[in-house]
Amino acid sequence: MTHHDHHHHEDQPEMTLEEKMVKLLDHWIRHNDDHASTYRDWAEKAKTGKLTEVALLLEEAAEMTGRISEKFDQAASLIR
């Protein structure tokens, strides 16, 4: 027996470019924030393991990732 697990939405209008962009930007922000959190966690582990320079680089990567998320947020706010 075959069963479709997806639903068809013929009666729903397709998302506009703006709606798609905001959805995508919001997704990227969440994704980046998750990565930044992981980088910070590993920076702490690196510090504990006396890998000071590695920890500093991971912290810097987390900050850079946060700045990218800020850019995505700025872009989304121009559309909202």
C-alpha atoms as a PDB file:
ATOM      1  CA  MET A   1       0.000   0.000   0.000  1.00  0.00           C
ATOM      2  CA  THR A   2       1.370   3.395  -0.961  1.00  0.00           C
ATOM      3  CA  HIS A   3       0.801   6.444   1.152  1.00  0.00           C
ATOM      4  CA  HIS A   4       1.745  10.055   0.547  1.00  0.00           C
ATOM      5  CA  ASP A   5       3.203  11.659   3.648  1.00  0.00           C
ATOM      6  CA  HIS A   6       3.159  15.144   2.208  1.00  0.00           C
ATOM      7  CA  HIS A   7       0.215  17.424   1.678  1.00  0.00           C
ATOM      8  CA  HIS A   8      -0.634  19.415  -1.375  1.00  0.00           C
ATOM      9  CA  HIS A   9      -1.547  23.045  -0.840  1.00  0.00           C
ATOM     10  CA  GLU A  10      -2.983  24.073  -4.163  1.00  0.00           C
ATOM     11  CA  ASP A  11      -5.366  26.482  -2.461  1.00  0.00           C
ATOM     12  CA  GLN A  12      -2.556  28.340  -0.659  1.00  0.00           C
ATOM     13  CA  PRO A  13      -0.795  31.106  -2.555  1.00  0.00           C
ATOM     14  CA  GLU A  14       2.923  30.712  -3.117  1.00  0.00           C
ATOM     15  CA  MET A  15       5.129  32.723  -0.794  1.00  0.00           C
ATOM     16  CA  THR A  16       6.381  36.026  -2.125  1.00  0.00           C
ATOM     17  CA  LEU A  17      10.104  36.589  -2.563  1.00  0.00           C
ATOM     18  CA  GLU A  18      10.024  38.784   0.542  1.00  0.00           C
ATOM     19  CA  GLU A  19       8.332  36.069   2.630  1.00  0.00           C
ATOM     20  CA  LYS A  20      10.830  33.484   1.415  1.00  0.00           C
ATOM     21  CA  MET A  21      13.760  35.785   2.190  1.00  0.00           C
ATOM     22  CA  VAL A  22      12.568  36.516   5.740  1.00  0.00           C
ATOM     23  CA  LYS A  23      11.991  32.824   6.385  1.00  0.00           C
ATOM     24  CA  LEU A  24      15.441  31.977   5.043  1.00  0.00           C
ATOM     25  CA  LEU A  25      17.168  34.781   6.952  1.00  0.00           C
ATOM     26  CA  ASP A  26      15.440  33.741  10.191  1.00  0.00           C
ATOM     27  CA  HIS A  27      16.580  30.164   9.591  1.00  0.00           C
ATOM     28  CA  TRP A  28      20.167  31.298   8.989  1.00  0.00           C
ATOM     29  CA  ILE A  29      20.123  33.354  12.194  1.00  0.00           C
ATOM     30  CA  ARG A  30      18.991  30.359  14.272  1.00  0.00           C
ATOM     31  CA  HIS A  31      21.513  28.137  12.509  1.00  0.00           C
ATOM     32  CA  ASN A  32      24.360  30.602  13.092  1.00  0.00           C
ATOM     33  CA  ASP A  33      23.385  31.068  16.737  1.00  0.00           C
ATOM     34  CA  ASP A  34      23.533  27.294  17.220  1.00  0.00           C
ATOM     35  CA  HIS A  35      26.993  27.197  15.647  1.00  0.00           C
ATOM     36  CA  ALA A  36      28.241  30.133  17.736  1.00  0.00           C
ATOM     37  CA  SER A  37      27.077  28.371  20.892  1.00  0.00           C
ATOM     38  CA  THR A  38      28.953  25.227  19.866  1.00  0.00           C
ATOM     39  CA  TYR A  39      32.105  27.250  19.146  1.00  0.00           C
ATOM     40  CA  ARG A  40      31.903  28.817  22.615  1.00  0.00           C
ATOM     41  CA  ASP A  41      31.430  25.406  24.236  1.00  0.00           C
ATOM     42  CA  TRP A  42      34.497  24.060  22.465  1.00  0.00           C
ATOM     43  CA  ALA A  43      36.461  27.204  23.309  1.00  0.00           C
ATOM     44  CA  GLU A  44      35.806  26.455  26.990  1.00  0.00           C
ATOM     45  CA  LYS A  45      36.962  22.869  26.503  1.00  0.00           C
ATOM     46  CA  ALA A  46      40.068  24.120  24.720  1.00  0.00           C
ATOM     47  CA  LYS A  47      40.814  26.469  27.631  1.00  0.00           C
ATOM     48  CA  THR A  48      40.418  23.613  30.087  1.00  0.00           C
ATOM     49  CA  GLY A  49      42.810  21.571  27.959  1.00  0.00           C
ATOM     50  CA  LYS A  50      45.377  24.395  28.007  1.00  0.00           C
ATOM     51  CA  LEU A  51      44.811  25.138  24.307  1.00  0.00           C
ATOM     52  CA  THR A  52      44.617  28.869  24.911  1.00  0.00           C
ATOM     53  CA  GLU A  53      45.277  30.021  21.359  1.00  0.00           C
ATOM     54  CA  VAL A  54      42.732  27.557  19.983  1.00  0.00           C
ATOM     55  CA  ALA A  55      40.191  28.813  22.520  1.00  0.00           C
ATOM     56  CA  LEU A  56      40.791  32.424  21.473  1.00  0.00           C
ATOM     57  CA  LEU A  57      40.292  31.564  17.813  1.00  0.00           C
ATOM     58  CA  LEU A  58      37.080  29.677  18.546  1.00  0.00           C
ATOM     59  CA  GLU A  59      35.780  32.601  20.595  1.00  0.00           C
ATOM     60  CA  GLU A  60      36.653  34.919  17.718  1.00  0.00           C
ATOM     61  CA  ALA A  61      34.809  32.619  15.295  1.00  0.00           C
ATOM     62  CA  ALA A  62      31.757  32.733  17.592  1.00  0.00           C
ATOM     63  CA  GLU A  63      31.869  36.545  17.591  1.00  0.00           C
ATOM     64  CA  MET A  64      32.211  36.638  13.807  1.00  0.00           C
ATOM     65  CA  THR A  65      29.267  34.269  13.473  1.00  0.00           C
ATOM     66  CA  GLY A  66      27.239  36.601  15.691  1.00  0.00           C
ATOM     67  CA  ARG A  67      28.107  39.540  13.443  1.00  0.00           C
ATOM     68  CA  ILE A  68      26.905  37.566  10.422  1.00  0.00           C
ATOM     69  CA  SER A  69      23.619  36.900  12.207  1.00  0.00           C
ATOM     70  CA  GLU A  70      23.317  40.639  12.868  1.00  0.00           C
ATOM     71  CA  LYS A  71      23.665  41.284   9.124  1.00  0.00           C
ATOM     72  CA  PHE A  72      20.954  38.714   8.403  1.00  0.00           C
ATOM     73  CA  ASP A  73      18.725  40.372  11.008  1.00  0.00           C
ATOM     74  CA  GLN A  74      19.316  43.788   9.450  1.00  0.00           C
ATOM     75  CA  ALA A  75      18.425  42.383   6.031  1.00  0.00           C
ATOM     76  CA  ALA A  76      15.227  40.803   7.378  1.00  0.00           C
ATOM     77  CA  SER A  77      14.230  44.051   9.087  1.00  0.00           C
ATOM     78  CA  LEU A  78      14.424  45.843   5.742  1.00  0.00           C
ATOM     79  CA  ILE A  79      11.800  43.437   4.407  1.00  0.00           C
ATOM     80  CA  ARG A  80       9.461  43.114   7.404  1.00  0.00           C
END
